[in-house]
Amino acid sequence: MYQITNQLRKIGFSINLISNIIKRNNYKQELNTQEYFCILLTAQDLTIKVSNIEYKIAGGNAVFIGPQKDLIINDAIGKEIYAIGFSAEFYDKSSKDSLFLNSPVFFNCHSEIFTAPYFGNNKYNQIILVERLLKFQDKDESLYISAAHNAIEGLILDAYLHVENQPTEKDERLEYVSYANRFRILLQRDFKTAKKVSHYADALKITVRRLTEMTEYAYGKSAKQLIIEKVKFECEKAIKFSNLTMSEIAFDLGFSDEGNFTNFVKKHCGKKPSEMREISA
């Protein structure tokens, strides 16, 4: 598996030149998006292969690639083509975010990628995206995260204008992705009060086994794993960045008591909530 940046691992977002990513991975052109979403800003022509399907991308397009995709990038060295990588946890802050993140922009049953015209050029990418984000990063990490979220949102919104809202033939892949996406939207809404897969399966009127098959197809993870990851992320965020007591956080996130909250955090984060807060202080 190729190396990802420390920043992507830490906060769930990074922006890098594709050529730098390839160099960092010993010039290997084979990459995998893992659990991350990827946007390529192609100011110059680019040829990529995604899941063994070759695509020739004309300069001036943004390319949207979902998680768990195998990529081969043939001619990126020496070109100023930026790759934005981010996790679902980083971007998915509201039901609106869930809707866009789980739209055909990233989950397209007719193609492994989605392309949309992109008005930026090399100078724009460097000044408006990279240098602007670095200024926020130098000032305050929370501002940097907000600016990065806004940059992603703008790119997705522009791409969403080019999504064809037309009926399609029934396709098993489309059905799987559709149900998995609807699950993610429900999870964003209900994670505080519903932490069992059966709740979401019942809401979607399918079996637990069927829902798990669908999420494993779309995300490479079971529905239970996705629920745990979502709750874990919200626990970590509240512990590190809020002023609430542990008891208040436990109540706010839907745990029956502080003891259950502590046990969950210790099991899935490797530390007690109090230890995590001390480290982040």
C-alpha atoms as a PDB file:
ATOM      1  CA  MET A   1       0.000   0.000   0.000  1.00  0.00           C
ATOM      2  CA  TYR A   2       1.409   3.392  -0.881  1.00  0.00           C
ATOM      3  CA  GLN A   3       2.190   5.986   1.781  1.00  0.00           C
ATOM      4  CA  ILE A   4      -0.239   8.767   2.580  1.00  0.00           C
ATOM      5  CA  THR A   5       0.753  12.108   4.064  1.00  0.00           C
ATOM      6  CA  ASN A   6       0.772  12.659   7.801  1.00  0.00           C
ATOM      7  CA  GLN A   7      -1.710  15.490   7.336  1.00  0.00           C
ATOM      8  CA  LEU A   8      -4.197  13.272   5.516  1.00  0.00           C
ATOM      9  CA  ARG A   9      -3.900  10.695   8.267  1.00  0.00           C
ATOM     10  CA  LYS A  10      -4.185  13.310  11.038  1.00  0.00           C
ATOM     11  CA  ILE A  11      -7.002  15.606   9.922  1.00  0.00           C
ATOM     12  CA  GLY A  12      -8.439  13.795   6.905  1.00  0.00           C
ATOM     13  CA  PHE A  13      -7.415  16.308   4.230  1.00  0.00           C
ATOM     14  CA  SER A  14      -4.426  17.029   2.009  1.00  0.00           C
ATOM     15  CA  ILE A  15      -3.601  18.716  -1.278  1.00  0.00           C
ATOM     16  CA  ASN A  16      -0.472  17.728  -3.214  1.00  0.00           C
ATOM     17  CA  LEU A  17       0.924  17.638  -6.699  1.00  0.00           C
ATOM     18  CA  ILE A  18       0.393  14.198  -8.222  1.00  0.00           C
ATOM     19  CA  SER A  19       4.062  14.164  -9.236  1.00  0.00           C
ATOM     20  CA  ASN A  20       5.091  14.617  -5.586  1.00  0.00           C
ATOM     21  CA  ILE A  21       2.817  11.771  -4.506  1.00  0.00           C
ATOM     22  CA  ILE A  22       4.394   9.475  -7.096  1.00  0.00           C
ATOM     23  CA  LYS A  23       7.926  10.528  -6.096  1.00  0.00           C
ATOM     24  CA  ARG A  24       7.150   9.951  -2.419  1.00  0.00           C
ATOM     25  CA  ASN A  25       6.095   6.423  -3.287  1.00  0.00           C
ATOM     26  CA  ASN A  26       9.336   5.533  -5.073  1.00  0.00           C
ATOM     27  CA  TYR A  27       7.963   6.584  -8.466  1.00  0.00           C
ATOM     28  CA  LYS A  28       5.274   3.908  -8.375  1.00  0.00           C
ATOM     29  CA  GLN A  29       2.412   4.969 -10.616  1.00  0.00           C
ATOM     30  CA  GLU A  30      -0.031   2.495  -9.059  1.00  0.00           C
ATOM     31  CA  LEU A  31      -2.083   4.079  -6.296  1.00  0.00           C
ATOM     32  CA  ASN A  32      -5.228   3.270  -4.341  1.00  0.00           C
ATOM     33  CA  THR A  33      -7.655   5.790  -2.905  1.00  0.00           C
ATOM     34  CA  GLN A  34      -8.218   3.564   0.140  1.00  0.00           C
ATOM     35  CA  GLU A  35     -11.022   5.055   2.276  1.00  0.00           C
ATOM     36  CA  TYR A  36     -10.463   8.545   0.888  1.00  0.00           C
ATOM     37  CA  PHE A  37     -12.269  10.628  -1.714  1.00  0.00           C
ATOM     38  CA  CYS A  38     -10.065  12.165  -4.381  1.00  0.00           C
ATOM     39  CA  ILE A  39     -10.352  15.191  -6.677  1.00  0.00           C
ATOM     40  CA  LEU A  40      -7.783  15.717  -9.422  1.00  0.00           C
ATOM     41  CA  LEU A  41      -7.450  19.234 -10.818  1.00  0.00           C
ATOM     42  CA  THR A  42      -6.147  18.716 -14.340  1.00  0.00           C
ATOM     43  CA  ALA A  43      -4.913  21.990 -15.722  1.00  0.00           C
ATOM     44  CA  GLN A  44      -3.051  19.850 -18.297  1.00  0.00           C
ATOM     45  CA  ASP A  45      -4.013  16.715 -20.228  1.00  0.00           C
ATOM     46  CA  LEU A  46      -3.744  13.517 -18.225  1.00  0.00           C
ATOM     47  CA  THR A  47      -4.188   9.792 -18.851  1.00  0.00           C
ATOM     48  CA  ILE A  48      -5.299   7.658 -15.911  1.00  0.00           C
ATOM     49  CA  LYS A  49      -6.495   4.122 -15.492  1.00  0.00           C
ATOM     50  CA  VAL A  50      -9.103   3.485 -12.803  1.00  0.00           C
ATOM     51  CA  SER A  51     -10.100  -0.094 -11.997  1.00  0.00           C
ATOM     52  CA  ASN A  52      -8.405  -1.176 -15.260  1.00  0.00           C
ATOM     53  CA  ILE A  53     -10.382   1.289 -17.398  1.00  0.00           C
ATOM     54  CA  GLU A  54      -8.359   3.974 -19.162  1.00  0.00           C
ATOM     55  CA  TYR A  55      -9.539   7.569 -19.266  1.00  0.00           C
ATOM     56  CA  LYS A  56      -7.981  10.429 -21.225  1.00  0.00           C
ATOM     57  CA  ILE A  57      -8.696  13.630 -19.332  1.00  0.00           C
ATOM     58  CA  ALA A  58      -8.446  16.938 -21.162  1.00  0.00           C
ATOM     59  CA  GLY A  59      -6.854  19.819 -19.321  1.00  0.00           C
ATOM     60  CA  GLY A  60      -9.370  22.095 -17.670  1.00  0.00           C
ATOM     61  CA  ASN A  61     -11.378  19.339 -15.966  1.00  0.00           C
ATOM     62  CA  ALA A  62     -11.774  18.209 -12.390  1.00  0.00           C
ATOM     63  CA  VAL A  63     -11.855  14.435 -11.887  1.00  0.00           C
ATOM     64  CA  PHE A  64     -13.812  12.998  -8.962  1.00  0.00           C
ATOM     65  CA  ILE A  65     -12.864   9.513  -7.727  1.00  0.00           C
ATOM     66  CA  GLY A  66     -14.525   7.632  -4.881  1.00  0.00           C
ATOM     67  CA  PRO A  67     -12.980   5.423  -2.201  1.00  0.00           C
ATOM     68  CA  GLN A  68     -11.387   2.010  -2.754  1.00  0.00           C
ATOM     69  CA  LYS A  69     -10.324   2.661  -6.350  1.00  0.00           C
ATOM     70  CA  ASP A  70      -7.124   1.382  -7.957  1.00  0.00           C
ATOM     71  CA  LEU A  71      -5.400   4.071 -10.035  1.00  0.00           C
ATOM     72  CA  ILE A  72      -2.549   4.052 -12.518  1.00  0.00           C
ATOM     73  CA  ILE A  73      -1.347   7.546 -13.477  1.00  0.00           C
ATOM     74  CA  ASN A  74       0.911   7.392 -16.498  1.00  0.00           C
ATOM     75  CA  ASP A  75       2.060  10.884 -17.428  1.00  0.00           C
ATOM     76  CA  ALA A  76       1.854  13.147 -14.388  1.00  0.00           C
ATOM     77  CA  ILE A  77       5.555  13.684 -13.666  1.00  0.00           C
ATOM     78  CA  GLY A  78       6.512  17.254 -14.488  1.00  0.00           C
ATOM     79  CA  LYS A  79       2.892  18.399 -14.750  1.00  0.00           C
ATOM     80  CA  GLU A  80       1.204  20.673 -12.238  1.00  0.00           C
ATOM     81  CA  ILE A  81      -1.786  18.475 -11.534  1.00  0.00           C
ATOM     82  CA  TYR A  82      -3.074  18.699  -7.989  1.00  0.00           C
ATOM     83  CA  ALA A  83      -4.722  15.885  -6.046  1.00  0.00           C
ATOM     84  CA  ILE A  84      -7.056  16.694  -3.172  1.00  0.00           C
ATOM     85  CA  GLY A  85      -7.653  13.803  -0.802  1.00  0.00           C
ATOM     86  CA  PHE A  86     -10.112  13.805   2.076  1.00  0.00           C
ATOM     87  CA  SER A  87     -12.037  11.405   4.282  1.00  0.00           C
ATOM     88  CA  ALA A  88     -15.802  11.167   4.666  1.00  0.00           C
ATOM     89  CA  GLU A  89     -15.405  12.135   8.325  1.00  0.00           C
ATOM     90  CA  PHE A  90     -13.571  15.324   7.346  1.00  0.00           C
ATOM     91  CA  TYR A  91     -16.221  16.553   4.915  1.00  0.00           C
ATOM     92  CA  ASP A  92     -19.471  15.022   6.138  1.00  0.00           C
ATOM     93  CA  LYS A  93     -20.747  17.586   8.675  1.00  0.00           C
ATOM     94  CA  SER A  94     -24.397  17.908   7.698  1.00  0.00           C
ATOM     95  CA  SER A  95     -27.161  16.180   5.763  1.00  0.00           C
ATOM     96  CA  LYS A  96     -26.373  18.486   2.836  1.00  0.00           C
ATOM     97  CA  ASP A  97     -22.742  17.371   2.915  1.00  0.00           C
ATOM     98  CA  SER A  98     -23.893  13.734   2.953  1.00  0.00           C
ATOM     99  CA  LEU A  99     -26.129  14.340  -0.042  1.00  0.00           C
ATOM    100  CA  PHE A 100     -23.305  15.787  -2.141  1.00  0.00           C
ATOM    101  CA  LEU A 101     -20.665  13.342  -0.942  1.00  0.00           C
ATOM    102  CA  ASN A 102     -22.858  10.371  -1.765  1.00  0.00           C
ATOM    103  CA  SER A 103     -24.093  11.702  -5.099  1.00  0.00           C
ATOM    104  CA  PRO A 104     -23.132  10.492  -8.602  1.00  0.00           C
ATOM    105  CA  VAL A 105     -20.185  12.892  -8.433  1.00  0.00           C
ATOM    106  CA  PHE A 106     -18.317  10.220  -6.469  1.00  0.00           C
ATOM    107  CA  PHE A 107     -20.555   7.179  -6.961  1.00  0.00           C
ATOM    108  CA  ASN A 108     -21.367   6.929 -10.653  1.00  0.00           C
ATOM    109  CA  CYS A 109     -22.762   3.599 -11.798  1.00  0.00           C
ATOM    110  CA  HIS A 110     -21.845   4.325 -15.431  1.00  0.00           C
ATOM    111  CA  SER A 111     -18.180   5.181 -14.926  1.00  0.00           C
ATOM    112  CA  GLU A 112     -15.391   4.727 -12.388  1.00  0.00           C
ATOM    113  CA  ILE A 113     -14.858   8.513 -12.385  1.00  0.00           C
ATOM    114  CA  PHE A 114     -16.838  11.699 -12.850  1.00  0.00           C
ATOM    115  CA  THR A 115     -15.407  14.644 -14.762  1.00  0.00           C
ATOM    116  CA  ALA A 116     -16.615  18.220 -14.823  1.00  0.00           C
ATOM    117  CA  PRO A 117     -15.217  21.431 -16.327  1.00  0.00           C
ATOM    118  CA  TYR A 118     -12.882  23.256 -13.977  1.00  0.00           C
ATOM    119  CA  PHE A 119     -12.093  26.919 -14.504  1.00  0.00           C
ATOM    120  CA  GLY A 120      -8.837  26.919 -12.555  1.00  0.00           C
ATOM    121  CA  ASN A 121      -5.362  26.898 -14.051  1.00  0.00           C
ATOM    122  CA  ASN A 122      -1.895  26.306 -12.628  1.00  0.00           C
ATOM    123  CA  LYS A 123      -1.618  29.859 -11.277  1.00  0.00           C
ATOM    124  CA  TYR A 124      -5.096  29.693  -9.737  1.00  0.00           C
ATOM    125  CA  ASN A 125      -4.374  26.338  -8.126  1.00  0.00           C
ATOM    126  CA  GLN A 126      -1.123  27.578  -6.625  1.00  0.00           C
ATOM    127  CA  ILE A 127      -2.335  30.963  -5.385  1.00  0.00           C
ATOM    128  CA  ILE A 128      -6.007  30.464  -4.523  1.00  0.00           C
ATOM    129  CA  LEU A 129      -5.925  26.879  -3.323  1.00  0.00           C
ATOM    130  CA  VAL A 130      -2.457  25.972  -2.081  1.00  0.00           C
ATOM    131  CA  GLU A 131      -1.021  29.282  -0.880  1.00  0.00           C
ATOM    132  CA  ARG A 132      -4.344  30.470   0.544  1.00  0.00           C
ATOM    133  CA  LEU A 133      -4.801  27.235   2.466  1.00  0.00           C
ATOM    134  CA  LEU A 134      -1.226  27.432   3.769  1.00  0.00           C
ATOM    135  CA  LYS A 135      -1.909  30.902   5.142  1.00  0.00           C
ATOM    136  CA  PHE A 136      -4.876  29.545   7.076  1.00  0.00           C
ATOM    137  CA  GLN A 137      -2.769  26.609   8.254  1.00  0.00           C
ATOM    138  CA  ASP A 138      -0.070  28.922   9.603  1.00  0.00           C
ATOM    139  CA  LYS A 139      -2.657  31.001  11.437  1.00  0.00           C
ATOM    140  CA  ASP A 140      -4.923  28.365  12.987  1.00  0.00           C
ATOM    141  CA  GLU A 141      -5.651  24.688  12.250  1.00  0.00           C
ATOM    142  CA  SER A 142      -9.401  25.093  12.760  1.00  0.00           C
ATOM    143  CA  LEU A 143      -9.463  27.908  10.193  1.00  0.00           C
ATOM    144  CA  TYR A 144      -7.438  25.743   7.824  1.00  0.00           C
ATOM    145  CA  ILE A 145      -9.934  22.900   8.193  1.00  0.00           C
ATOM    146  CA  SER A 146     -12.858  25.261   7.510  1.00  0.00           C
ATOM    147  CA  ALA A 147     -11.134  26.733   4.441  1.00  0.00           C
ATOM    148  CA  ALA A 148     -10.326  23.259   3.120  1.00  0.00           C
ATOM    149  CA  HIS A 149     -13.940  22.141   3.643  1.00  0.00           C
ATOM    150  CA  ASN A 150     -15.177  25.210   1.759  1.00  0.00           C
ATOM    151  CA  ALA A 151     -12.748  24.562  -1.112  1.00  0.00           C
ATOM    152  CA  ILE A 152     -13.998  20.985  -1.472  1.00  0.00           C
ATOM    153  CA  GLU A 153     -17.614  22.108  -1.268  1.00  0.00           C
ATOM    154  CA  GLY A 154     -17.103  24.618  -4.080  1.00  0.00           C
ATOM    155  CA  LEU A 155     -15.585  21.971  -6.347  1.00  0.00           C
ATOM    156  CA  ILE A 156     -18.374  19.481  -5.633  1.00  0.00           C
ATOM    157  CA  LEU A 157     -21.095  22.086  -6.166  1.00  0.00           C
ATOM    158  CA  ASP A 158     -19.597  23.063  -9.532  1.00  0.00           C
ATOM    159  CA  ALA A 159     -19.465  19.399 -10.532  1.00  0.00           C
ATOM    160  CA  TYR A 160     -23.012  18.780  -9.320  1.00  0.00           C
ATOM    161  CA  LEU A 161     -24.285  21.194 -11.972  1.00  0.00           C
ATOM    162  CA  HIS A 162     -23.148  18.643 -14.565  1.00  0.00           C
ATOM    163  CA  VAL A 163     -24.844  15.609 -13.019  1.00  0.00           C
ATOM    164  CA  GLU A 164     -27.496  14.350 -15.396  1.00  0.00           C
ATOM    165  CA  ASN A 165     -30.709  13.804 -13.506  1.00  0.00           C
ATOM    166  CA  GLN A 166     -32.122  11.273 -15.926  1.00  0.00           C
ATOM    167  CA  PRO A 167     -33.702   7.869 -15.272  1.00  0.00           C
ATOM    168  CA  THR A 168     -31.357   4.960 -15.850  1.00  0.00           C
ATOM    169  CA  GLU A 169     -31.849   1.287 -16.450  1.00  0.00           C
ATOM    170  CA  LYS A 170     -31.982  -0.858 -13.330  1.00  0.00           C
ATOM    171  CA  ASP A 171     -28.457  -1.901 -12.465  1.00  0.00           C
ATOM    172  CA  GLU A 172     -27.320  -3.915  -9.450  1.00  0.00           C
ATOM    173  CA  ARG A 173     -24.307  -1.621  -8.971  1.00  0.00           C
ATOM    174  CA  LEU A 174     -26.581   1.413  -8.958  1.00  0.00           C
ATOM    175  CA  GLU A 175     -28.888  -0.240  -6.427  1.00  0.00           C
ATOM    176  CA  TYR A 176     -25.997  -1.137  -4.106  1.00  0.00           C
ATOM    177  CA  VAL A 177     -24.468   2.339  -4.249  1.00  0.00           C
ATOM    178  CA  SER A 178     -27.862   4.008  -3.860  1.00  0.00           C
ATOM    179  CA  TYR A 179     -28.699   2.068  -0.691  1.00  0.00           C
ATOM    180  CA  ALA A 180     -25.188   2.546   0.730  1.00  0.00           C
ATOM    181  CA  ASN A 181     -25.428   6.286   0.130  1.00  0.00           C
ATOM    182  CA  ARG A 182     -28.852   6.503   1.726  1.00  0.00           C
ATOM    183  CA  PHE A 183     -27.456   4.635   4.724  1.00  0.00           C
ATOM    184  CA  ARG A 184     -24.664   7.219   5.083  1.00  0.00           C
ATOM    185  CA  ILE A 185     -27.202  10.050   5.004  1.00  0.00           C
ATOM    186  CA  LEU A 186     -29.334   8.340   7.665  1.00  0.00           C
ATOM    187  CA  LEU A 187     -26.208   7.713   9.742  1.00  0.00           C
ATOM    188  CA  GLN A 188     -25.342  11.405   9.697  1.00  0.00           C
ATOM    189  CA  ARG A 189     -28.825  12.148  11.001  1.00  0.00           C
ATOM    190  CA  ASP A 190     -29.308   9.341  13.514  1.00  0.00           C
ATOM    191  CA  PHE A 191     -25.877   8.306  14.851  1.00  0.00           C
ATOM    192  CA  LYS A 192     -26.531   9.853  18.258  1.00  0.00           C
ATOM    193  CA  THR A 193     -29.680   7.849  18.880  1.00  0.00           C
ATOM    194  CA  ALA A 194     -29.163   4.728  16.733  1.00  0.00           C
ATOM    195  CA  LYS A 195     -25.954   2.729  16.865  1.00  0.00           C
ATOM    196  CA  LYS A 196     -27.244  -0.635  15.638  1.00  0.00           C
ATOM    197  CA  VAL A 197     -27.235  -1.739  12.003  1.00  0.00           C
ATOM    198  CA  SER A 198     -30.786  -3.044  12.368  1.00  0.00           C
ATOM    199  CA  HIS A 199     -32.131   0.514  12.812  1.00  0.00           C
ATOM    200  CA  TYR A 200     -30.794   1.591   9.429  1.00  0.00           C
ATOM    201  CA  ALA A 201     -31.730  -1.659   7.699  1.00  0.00           C
ATOM    202  CA  ASP A 202     -35.298  -1.278   8.967  1.00  0.00           C
ATOM    203  CA  ALA A 203     -35.408   2.343   7.788  1.00  0.00           C
ATOM    204  CA  LEU A 204     -34.276   1.234   4.326  1.00  0.00           C
ATOM    205  CA  LYS A 205     -36.620  -1.787   4.385  1.00  0.00           C
ATOM    206  CA  ILE A 206     -33.831  -4.289   3.737  1.00  0.00           C
ATOM    207  CA  THR A 207     -32.134  -6.950   5.851  1.00  0.00           C
ATOM    208  CA  VAL A 208     -29.031  -6.324   7.938  1.00  0.00           C
ATOM    209  CA  ARG A 209     -27.124  -8.787   5.778  1.00  0.00           C
ATOM    210  CA  ARG A 210     -28.205  -7.026   2.589  1.00  0.00           C
ATOM    211  CA  LEU A 211     -27.178  -3.618   3.931  1.00  0.00           C
ATOM    212  CA  THR A 212     -23.769  -4.971   4.918  1.00  0.00           C
ATOM    213  CA  GLU A 213     -23.274  -6.417   1.430  1.00  0.00           C
ATOM    214  CA  MET A 214     -24.107  -3.027  -0.059  1.00  0.00           C
ATOM    215  CA  THR A 215     -21.785  -0.991   2.170  1.00  0.00           C
ATOM    216  CA  GLU A 216     -18.961  -3.471   1.618  1.00  0.00           C
ATOM    217  CA  TYR A 217     -19.451  -3.075  -2.134  1.00  0.00           C
ATOM    218  CA  ALA A 218     -19.598   0.740  -2.047  1.00  0.00           C
ATOM    219  CA  TYR A 219     -17.102   1.489   0.726  1.00  0.00           C
ATOM    220  CA  GLY A 220     -15.150  -1.700   1.382  1.00  0.00           C
ATOM    221  CA  LYS A 221     -16.473  -1.714   4.964  1.00  0.00           C
ATOM    222  CA  SER A 222     -19.403  -3.267   6.796  1.00  0.00           C
ATOM    223  CA  ALA A 223     -22.303  -1.132   7.991  1.00  0.00           C
ATOM    224  CA  LYS A 224     -21.231  -1.843  11.585  1.00  0.00           C
ATOM    225  CA  GLN A 225     -17.707  -0.589  10.861  1.00  0.00           C
ATOM    226  CA  LEU A 226     -19.072   2.626   9.349  1.00  0.00           C
ATOM    227  CA  ILE A 227     -21.274   3.249  12.392  1.00  0.00           C
ATOM    228  CA  ILE A 228     -18.349   2.673  14.768  1.00  0.00           C
ATOM    229  CA  GLU A 229     -16.086   4.968  12.724  1.00  0.00           C
ATOM    230  CA  LYS A 230     -18.703   7.732  12.706  1.00  0.00           C
ATOM    231  CA  VAL A 231     -19.328   7.538  16.465  1.00  0.00           C
ATOM    232  CA  LYS A 232     -15.582   7.271  17.161  1.00  0.00           C
ATOM    233  CA  PHE A 233     -14.903  10.385  15.068  1.00  0.00           C
ATOM    234  CA  GLU A 234     -17.604  12.384  16.857  1.00  0.00           C
ATOM    235  CA  CYS A 235     -16.311  11.232  20.262  1.00  0.00           C
ATOM    236  CA  GLU A 236     -12.745  12.262  19.443  1.00  0.00           C
ATOM    237  CA  LYS A 237     -13.892  15.624  18.100  1.00  0.00           C
ATOM    238  CA  ALA A 238     -15.982  16.399  21.179  1.00  0.00           C
ATOM    239  CA  ILE A 239     -13.241  15.330  23.597  1.00  0.00           C
ATOM    240  CA  LYS A 240     -10.519  17.352  21.888  1.00  0.00           C
ATOM    241  CA  PHE A 241     -12.359  20.479  20.803  1.00  0.00           C
ATOM    242  CA  SER A 242     -15.362  21.043  23.082  1.00  0.00           C
ATOM    243  CA  ASN A 243     -15.507  22.380  26.634  1.00  0.00           C
ATOM    244  CA  LEU A 244     -18.174  19.885  27.673  1.00  0.00           C
ATOM    245  CA  THR A 245     -17.567  17.496  30.557  1.00  0.00           C
ATOM    246  CA  MET A 246     -17.257  13.799  29.762  1.00  0.00           C
ATOM    247  CA  SER A 247     -20.691  13.217  31.210  1.00  0.00           C
ATOM    248  CA  GLU A 248     -22.163  15.934  28.989  1.00  0.00           C
ATOM    249  CA  ILE A 249     -20.438  14.519  25.898  1.00  0.00           C
ATOM    250  CA  ALA A 250     -21.739  11.041  26.709  1.00  0.00           C
ATOM    251  CA  PHE A 251     -25.289  12.375  26.988  1.00  0.00           C
ATOM    252  CA  ASP A 252     -24.994  14.499  23.841  1.00  0.00           C
ATOM    253  CA  LEU A 253     -23.746  11.557  21.765  1.00  0.00           C
ATOM    254  CA  GLY A 254     -26.510   9.250  22.951  1.00  0.00           C
ATOM    255  CA  PHE A 255     -24.672   6.946  25.359  1.00  0.00           C
ATOM    256  CA  SER A 256     -26.737   5.612  28.250  1.00  0.00           C
ATOM    257  CA  ASP A 257     -24.148   6.762  30.793  1.00  0.00           C
ATOM    258  CA  GLU A 258     -20.582   7.999  31.098  1.00  0.00           C
ATOM    259  CA  GLY A 259     -19.307   4.475  31.791  1.00  0.00           C
ATOM    260  CA  ASN A 260     -20.523   3.150  28.423  1.00  0.00           C
ATOM    261  CA  PHE A 261     -19.045   6.203  26.708  1.00  0.00           C
ATOM    262  CA  THR A 262     -15.671   5.657  28.408  1.00  0.00           C
ATOM    263  CA  ASN A 263     -15.654   1.966  27.493  1.00  0.00           C
ATOM    264  CA  PHE A 264     -16.445   2.729  23.846  1.00  0.00           C
ATOM    265  CA  VAL A 265     -13.696   5.362  23.582  1.00  0.00           C
ATOM    266  CA  LYS A 266     -11.114   3.153  25.307  1.00  0.00           C
ATOM    267  CA  LYS A 267     -11.967   0.182  23.073  1.00  0.00           C
ATOM    268  CA  HIS A 268     -11.957   2.032  19.750  1.00  0.00           C
ATOM    269  CA  CYS A 269      -9.501   4.884  20.382  1.00  0.00           C
ATOM    270  CA  GLY A 270      -7.029   3.048  22.619  1.00  0.00           C
ATOM    271  CA  LYS A 271      -7.157   5.652  25.399  1.00  0.00           C
ATOM    272  CA  LYS A 272      -9.547   6.847  28.068  1.00  0.00           C
ATOM    273  CA  PRO A 273     -11.414  10.095  27.300  1.00  0.00           C
ATOM    274  CA  SER A 274      -9.565  11.904  30.097  1.00  0.00           C
ATOM    275  CA  GLU A 275      -6.210  10.817  28.662  1.00  0.00           C
ATOM    276  CA  MET A 276      -7.181  12.026  25.177  1.00  0.00           C
ATOM    277  CA  ARG A 277      -8.203  15.429  26.543  1.00  0.00           C
ATOM    278  CA  GLU A 278      -4.934  15.770  28.468  1.00  0.00           C
ATOM    279  CA  ILE A 279      -2.929  15.018  25.319  1.00  0.00           C
ATOM    280  CA  SER A 280      -4.857  17.541  23.223  1.00  0.00           C
ATOM    281  CA  ALA A 281      -4.697  20.265  25.890  1.00  0.00           C
END
